Amino acid sequence: SVQRSFWGQTTATVSYVGSLGLHLVTDLNNPDQPLALTIGGQSSNGFTPFPHLSGAQWVEWTAHSSYNSLQATVQRRYSHGLSFLSTYTWAHAFDNSNDVLGGDYGGYRQSYLIPISHEWGQSGYDIRQRAVINVDYDLPFGVGRSFVNHPGILDLIVGGWKTDRQWWGQTGTPFTV
């Protein structure tokens, strides 16, 4: 990370973040399925030794993942009633697994026909760009502020209020047609 201070209370930070995952869990279809392609629409249950168990899923720890990102942050610490934080992330994530927790849907059709090592591609959670902006502002009304700077009933009504705004935007996750 590299950080620089501007105008006293404002800082900017640029960081590289990367990770590599090894021996990750992945979901496979039943390895007792026949090692051949069948015509679409036909059931392969007649070719399996235990046709009533053909929907079973197997779990292996053979998948890998990779994540790389450039992250930028601009932050103004609380000063004169104002603070803000804005972040931007430019990232790319790859893996050769489906997410068992639901990020990707479905298992592999047949790991014997297409080995898991050949399934390297964009992760189901690959969000390339994300930006977030948070702004907090103390309204200038009430004791110790610019307006209505005296105790009383008006201070109780309009004093001490704060407003904040949040905005975020991001690109979508990959999908197949």
C-alpha atoms as a PDB file:
ATOM      1  CA  SER A   1       0.000   0.000   0.000  1.00  0.00           C
ATOM      2  CA  VAL A   2       1.014   3.580  -0.639  1.00  0.00           C
ATOM      3  CA  GLN A   3      -0.632   6.389   1.346  1.00  0.00           C
ATOM      4  CA  ARG A   4      -0.427  10.166   1.054  1.00  0.00           C
ATOM      5  CA  SER A   5      -1.984  12.963   3.093  1.00  0.00           C
ATOM      6  CA  PHE A   6      -3.602  15.997   1.418  1.00  0.00           C
ATOM      7  CA  TRP A   7      -5.066  19.147   2.966  1.00  0.00           C
ATOM      8  CA  GLY A   8      -4.478  18.025   6.552  1.00  0.00           C
ATOM      9  CA  GLN A   9      -7.457  15.738   7.187  1.00  0.00           C
ATOM     10  CA  THR A  10      -7.642  13.972   3.800  1.00  0.00           C
ATOM     11  CA  THR A  11      -5.667  10.880   2.847  1.00  0.00           C
ATOM     12  CA  ALA A  12      -5.420   8.783  -0.310  1.00  0.00           C
ATOM     13  CA  THR A  13      -4.348   5.145  -0.332  1.00  0.00           C
ATOM     14  CA  VAL A  14      -3.603   2.829  -3.255  1.00  0.00           C
ATOM     15  CA  SER A  15      -3.143  -0.894  -2.569  1.00  0.00           C
ATOM     16  CA  TYR A  16      -2.598  -4.141  -4.435  1.00  0.00           C
ATOM     17  CA  VAL A  17      -4.376  -7.174  -2.988  1.00  0.00           C
ATOM     18  CA  GLY A  18      -3.854 -10.685  -4.285  1.00  0.00           C
ATOM     19  CA  SER A  19      -4.571 -14.188  -3.089  1.00  0.00           C
ATOM     20  CA  LEU A  20      -4.160 -17.742  -4.295  1.00  0.00           C
ATOM     21  CA  GLY A  21      -6.368 -20.563  -3.038  1.00  0.00           C
ATOM     22  CA  LEU A  22      -5.271 -24.193  -3.187  1.00  0.00           C
ATOM     23  CA  HIS A  23      -7.082 -27.426  -2.319  1.00  0.00           C
ATOM     24  CA  LEU A  24     -10.518 -25.774  -2.359  1.00  0.00           C
ATOM     25  CA  VAL A  25     -13.709 -27.780  -2.101  1.00  0.00           C
ATOM     26  CA  THR A  26     -15.542 -28.547  -5.335  1.00  0.00           C
ATOM     27  CA  ASP A  27     -18.743 -30.394  -6.142  1.00  0.00           C
ATOM     28  CA  LEU A  28     -18.759 -33.310  -8.629  1.00  0.00           C
ATOM     29  CA  ASN A  29     -21.533 -35.369 -10.109  1.00  0.00           C
ATOM     30  CA  ASN A  30     -21.666 -39.041  -9.195  1.00  0.00           C
ATOM     31  CA  PRO A  31     -18.516 -40.755 -10.543  1.00  0.00           C
ATOM     32  CA  ASP A  32     -20.595 -43.911 -11.130  1.00  0.00           C
ATOM     33  CA  GLN A  33     -22.194 -42.193 -14.123  1.00  0.00           C
ATOM     34  CA  PRO A  34     -21.234 -43.778 -17.467  1.00  0.00           C
ATOM     35  CA  LEU A  35     -18.037 -42.473 -19.048  1.00  0.00           C
ATOM     36  CA  ALA A  36     -19.738 -41.564 -22.313  1.00  0.00           C
ATOM     37  CA  LEU A  37     -21.881 -38.861 -23.786  1.00  0.00           C
ATOM     38  CA  THR A  38     -25.573 -39.656 -24.160  1.00  0.00           C
ATOM     39  CA  ILE A  39     -28.139 -38.143 -26.483  1.00  0.00           C
ATOM     40  CA  GLY A  40     -29.891 -35.144 -24.965  1.00  0.00           C
ATOM     41  CA  GLY A  41     -33.165 -35.914 -23.260  1.00  0.00           C
ATOM     42  CA  GLN A  42     -32.297 -39.542 -22.616  1.00  0.00           C
ATOM     43  CA  SER A  43     -31.881 -40.804 -19.079  1.00  0.00           C
ATOM     44  CA  SER A  44     -28.551 -42.423 -18.267  1.00  0.00           C
ATOM     45  CA  ASN A  45     -30.007 -44.213 -15.212  1.00  0.00           C
ATOM     46  CA  GLY A  46     -30.107 -47.523 -17.104  1.00  0.00           C
ATOM     47  CA  PHE A  47     -26.312 -47.411 -17.516  1.00  0.00           C
ATOM     48  CA  THR A  48     -25.440 -46.945 -13.846  1.00  0.00           C
ATOM     49  CA  PRO A  49     -24.904 -49.734 -11.323  1.00  0.00           C
ATOM     50  CA  PHE A  50     -27.229 -48.034  -8.810  1.00  0.00           C
ATOM     51  CA  PRO A  51     -29.803 -46.059 -10.842  1.00  0.00           C
ATOM     52  CA  HIS A  52     -31.674 -44.811  -7.777  1.00  0.00           C
ATOM     53  CA  LEU A  53     -28.514 -43.040  -6.532  1.00  0.00           C
ATOM     54  CA  SER A  54     -27.667 -41.268  -9.780  1.00  0.00           C
ATOM     55  CA  GLY A  55     -28.306 -37.819  -8.336  1.00  0.00           C
ATOM     56  CA  ALA A  56     -25.644 -38.090  -5.642  1.00  0.00           C
ATOM     57  CA  GLN A  57     -22.981 -35.376  -5.437  1.00  0.00           C
ATOM     58  CA  TRP A  58     -19.363 -35.910  -4.469  1.00  0.00           C
ATOM     59  CA  VAL A  59     -17.071 -33.376  -2.844  1.00  0.00           C
ATOM     60  CA  GLU A  60     -13.331 -33.144  -3.491  1.00  0.00           C
ATOM     61  CA  TRP A  61     -10.649 -30.693  -2.400  1.00  0.00           C
ATOM     62  CA  THR A  62      -8.973 -30.293  -5.782  1.00  0.00           C
ATOM     63  CA  ALA A  63      -9.932 -26.782  -6.927  1.00  0.00           C
ATOM     64  CA  HIS A  64      -7.809 -23.618  -7.085  1.00  0.00           C
ATOM     65  CA  SER A  65      -8.564 -19.888  -7.157  1.00  0.00           C
ATOM     66  CA  SER A  66      -6.807 -16.619  -7.868  1.00  0.00           C
ATOM     67  CA  TYR A  67      -7.799 -13.029  -6.971  1.00  0.00           C
ATOM     68  CA  ASN A  68      -5.993  -9.812  -7.905  1.00  0.00           C
ATOM     69  CA  SER A  69      -7.146  -6.263  -7.305  1.00  0.00           C
ATOM     70  CA  LEU A  70      -6.088  -2.648  -7.253  1.00  0.00           C
ATOM     71  CA  GLN A  71      -7.873  -0.726  -4.484  1.00  0.00           C
ATOM     72  CA  ALA A  72      -7.962   3.052  -4.081  1.00  0.00           C
ATOM     73  CA  THR A  73      -9.342   4.955  -1.077  1.00  0.00           C
ATOM     74  CA  VAL A  74      -9.824   8.655  -0.396  1.00  0.00           C
ATOM     75  CA  GLN A  75     -10.825   9.529   3.172  1.00  0.00           C
ATOM     76  CA  ARG A  76     -11.471  12.798   4.970  1.00  0.00           C
ATOM     77  CA  ARG A  77     -11.435  12.465   8.722  1.00  0.00           C
ATOM     78  CA  TYR A  78     -14.100  14.288  10.693  1.00  0.00           C
ATOM     79  CA  SER A  79     -13.426  18.029  10.516  1.00  0.00           C
ATOM     80  CA  HIS A  80     -15.816  21.019  10.574  1.00  0.00           C
ATOM     81  CA  GLY A  81     -18.820  18.692  10.637  1.00  0.00           C
ATOM     82  CA  LEU A  82     -17.848  16.760   7.498  1.00  0.00           C
ATOM     83  CA  SER A  83     -16.276  13.366   6.843  1.00  0.00           C
ATOM     84  CA  PHE A  84     -16.271  11.127   3.811  1.00  0.00           C
ATOM     85  CA  LEU A  85     -14.857   7.864   2.562  1.00  0.00           C
ATOM     86  CA  SER A  86     -14.743   6.821  -1.067  1.00  0.00           C
ATOM     87  CA  THR A  87     -13.313   3.548  -2.346  1.00  0.00           C
ATOM     88  CA  TYR A  88     -12.770   2.019  -5.767  1.00  0.00           C
ATOM     89  CA  THR A  89     -11.768  -1.581  -6.499  1.00  0.00           C
ATOM     90  CA  TRP A  90     -10.655  -2.946  -9.847  1.00  0.00           C
ATOM     91  CA  ALA A  91     -10.412  -6.732  -9.534  1.00  0.00           C
ATOM     92  CA  HIS A  92     -10.424 -10.062 -11.326  1.00  0.00           C
ATOM     93  CA  ALA A  93     -11.134 -13.487  -9.831  1.00  0.00           C
ATOM     94  CA  PHE A  94     -10.575 -16.911 -11.407  1.00  0.00           C
ATOM     95  CA  ASP A  95     -11.232 -20.441 -10.198  1.00  0.00           C
ATOM     96  CA  ASN A  96     -11.943 -23.945 -11.419  1.00  0.00           C
ATOM     97  CA  SER A  97     -14.639 -24.788  -8.905  1.00  0.00           C
ATOM     98  CA  ASN A  98     -18.268 -24.113  -8.293  1.00  0.00           C
ATOM     99  CA  ASP A  99     -19.183 -22.426  -5.045  1.00  0.00           C
ATOM    100  CA  VAL A 100     -20.708 -24.965  -2.679  1.00  0.00           C
ATOM    101  CA  LEU A 101     -22.319 -22.118  -0.697  1.00  0.00           C
ATOM    102  CA  GLY A 102     -24.429 -21.013  -3.654  1.00  0.00           C
ATOM    103  CA  GLY A 103     -22.416 -18.438  -5.633  1.00  0.00           C
ATOM    104  CA  ASP A 104     -22.450 -20.700  -8.692  1.00  0.00           C
ATOM    105  CA  TYR A 105     -25.269 -23.074  -9.435  1.00  0.00           C
ATOM    106  CA  GLY A 106     -25.011 -26.725 -10.426  1.00  0.00           C
ATOM    107  CA  GLY A 107     -22.187 -29.207 -10.348  1.00  0.00           C
ATOM    108  CA  TYR A 108     -19.909 -30.472 -13.048  1.00  0.00           C
ATOM    109  CA  ARG A 109     -21.592 -32.686 -15.599  1.00  0.00           C
ATOM    110  CA  GLN A 110     -18.843 -35.264 -15.710  1.00  0.00           C
ATOM    111  CA  SER A 111     -15.365 -34.688 -14.363  1.00  0.00           C
ATOM    112  CA  TYR A 112     -14.009 -37.666 -16.322  1.00  0.00           C
ATOM    113  CA  LEU A 113     -14.916 -36.033 -19.644  1.00  0.00           C
ATOM    114  CA  ILE A 114     -13.656 -32.550 -18.765  1.00  0.00           C
ATOM    115  CA  PRO A 115     -11.102 -32.604 -15.936  1.00  0.00           C
ATOM    116  CA  ILE A 116     -11.464 -29.961 -13.256  1.00  0.00           C
ATOM    117  CA  SER A 117      -8.037 -28.547 -14.103  1.00  0.00           C
ATOM    118  CA  HIS A 118      -9.437 -27.572 -17.543  1.00  0.00           C
ATOM    119  CA  GLU A 119     -12.361 -25.665 -16.008  1.00  0.00           C
ATOM    120  CA  TRP A 120     -10.250 -22.563 -15.169  1.00  0.00           C
ATOM    121  CA  GLY A 121     -12.291 -19.398 -15.755  1.00  0.00           C
ATOM    122  CA  GLN A 122     -13.978 -16.400 -14.187  1.00  0.00           C
ATOM    123  CA  SER A 123     -15.321 -17.001 -10.707  1.00  0.00           C
ATOM    124  CA  GLY A 124     -19.021 -16.766 -10.045  1.00  0.00           C
ATOM    125  CA  TYR A 125     -18.227 -13.913  -7.625  1.00  0.00           C
ATOM    126  CA  ASP A 126     -15.995 -12.021 -10.105  1.00  0.00           C
ATOM    127  CA  ILE A 127     -17.029  -8.379  -9.738  1.00  0.00           C
ATOM    128  CA  ARG A 128     -14.591  -6.385 -11.865  1.00  0.00           C
ATOM    129  CA  GLN A 129     -15.288  -2.879 -10.582  1.00  0.00           C
ATOM    130  CA  ARG A 130     -16.893  -1.520  -7.439  1.00  0.00           C
ATOM    131  CA  ALA A 131     -17.131   2.029  -6.136  1.00  0.00           C
ATOM    132  CA  VAL A 132     -18.522   3.164  -2.763  1.00  0.00           C
ATOM    133  CA  ILE A 133     -18.982   6.704  -1.414  1.00  0.00           C
ATOM    134  CA  ASN A 134     -20.024   7.554   2.169  1.00  0.00           C
ATOM    135  CA  VAL A 135     -20.530  11.152   3.330  1.00  0.00           C
ATOM    136  CA  ASP A 136     -21.456  12.290   6.874  1.00  0.00           C
ATOM    137  CA  TYR A 137     -22.371  15.897   7.631  1.00  0.00           C
ATOM    138  CA  ASP A 138     -23.399  17.529  10.912  1.00  0.00           C
ATOM    139  CA  LEU A 139     -26.063  20.160  10.224  1.00  0.00           C
ATOM    140  CA  PRO A 140     -24.930  23.592  11.508  1.00  0.00           C
ATOM    141  CA  PHE A 141     -27.824  24.074  13.954  1.00  0.00           C
ATOM    142  CA  GLY A 142     -27.605  23.930  17.747  1.00  0.00           C
ATOM    143  CA  VAL A 143     -25.283  24.774  20.621  1.00  0.00           C
ATOM    144  CA  GLY A 144     -21.676  25.003  19.431  1.00  0.00           C
ATOM    145  CA  ARG A 145     -22.730  25.353  15.780  1.00  0.00           C
ATOM    146  CA  SER A 146     -23.097  28.292  13.394  1.00  0.00           C
ATOM    147  CA  PHE A 147     -26.862  28.746  13.758  1.00  0.00           C
ATOM    148  CA  VAL A 148     -29.181  28.570  16.800  1.00  0.00           C
ATOM    149  CA  ASN A 149     -26.081  28.662  18.982  1.00  0.00           C
ATOM    150  CA  HIS A 150     -27.890  29.009  22.308  1.00  0.00           C
ATOM    151  CA  PRO A 151     -29.713  26.582  24.579  1.00  0.00           C
ATOM    152  CA  GLY A 152     -33.465  26.527  24.513  1.00  0.00           C
ATOM    153  CA  ILE A 153     -36.503  24.964  22.935  1.00  0.00           C
ATOM    154  CA  LEU A 154     -35.339  25.731  19.371  1.00  0.00           C
ATOM    155  CA  ASP A 155     -32.020  23.994  20.093  1.00  0.00           C
ATOM    156  CA  LEU A 156     -33.910  20.924  21.326  1.00  0.00           C
ATOM    157  CA  ILE A 157     -35.895  20.785  18.069  1.00  0.00           C
ATOM    158  CA  VAL A 158     -33.295  21.563  15.382  1.00  0.00           C
ATOM    159  CA  GLY A 159     -29.954  21.095  17.164  1.00  0.00           C
ATOM    160  CA  GLY A 160     -27.650  18.088  16.905  1.00  0.00           C
ATOM    161  CA  TRP A 161     -28.982  16.669  13.631  1.00  0.00           C
ATOM    162  CA  LYS A 162     -26.702  14.798  11.241  1.00  0.00           C
ATOM    163  CA  THR A 163     -27.189  13.578   7.697  1.00  0.00           C
ATOM    164  CA  ASP A 164     -25.365  10.948   5.741  1.00  0.00           C
ATOM    165  CA  ARG A 165     -25.406   9.701   2.192  1.00  0.00           C
ATOM    166  CA  GLN A 166     -24.227   6.406   0.808  1.00  0.00           C
ATOM    167  CA  TRP A 167     -23.817   5.367  -2.804  1.00  0.00           C
ATOM    168  CA  TRP A 168     -22.355   2.261  -4.345  1.00  0.00           C
ATOM    169  CA  GLY A 169     -22.141   0.843  -7.823  1.00  0.00           C
ATOM    170  CA  GLN A 170     -20.576  -2.258  -9.255  1.00  0.00           C
ATOM    171  CA  THR A 171     -20.377  -4.353 -12.369  1.00  0.00           C
ATOM    172  CA  GLY A 172     -22.355  -7.568 -12.493  1.00  0.00           C
ATOM    173  CA  THR A 173     -21.226 -11.136 -11.998  1.00  0.00           C
ATOM    174  CA  PRO A 174     -20.565 -13.443 -14.963  1.00  0.00           C
ATOM    175  CA  PHE A 175     -23.430 -15.454 -16.410  1.00  0.00           C
ATOM    176  CA  THR A 176     -23.957 -17.981 -19.175  1.00  0.00           C
ATOM    177  CA  VAL A 177     -26.669 -18.015 -21.775  1.00  0.00           C
END
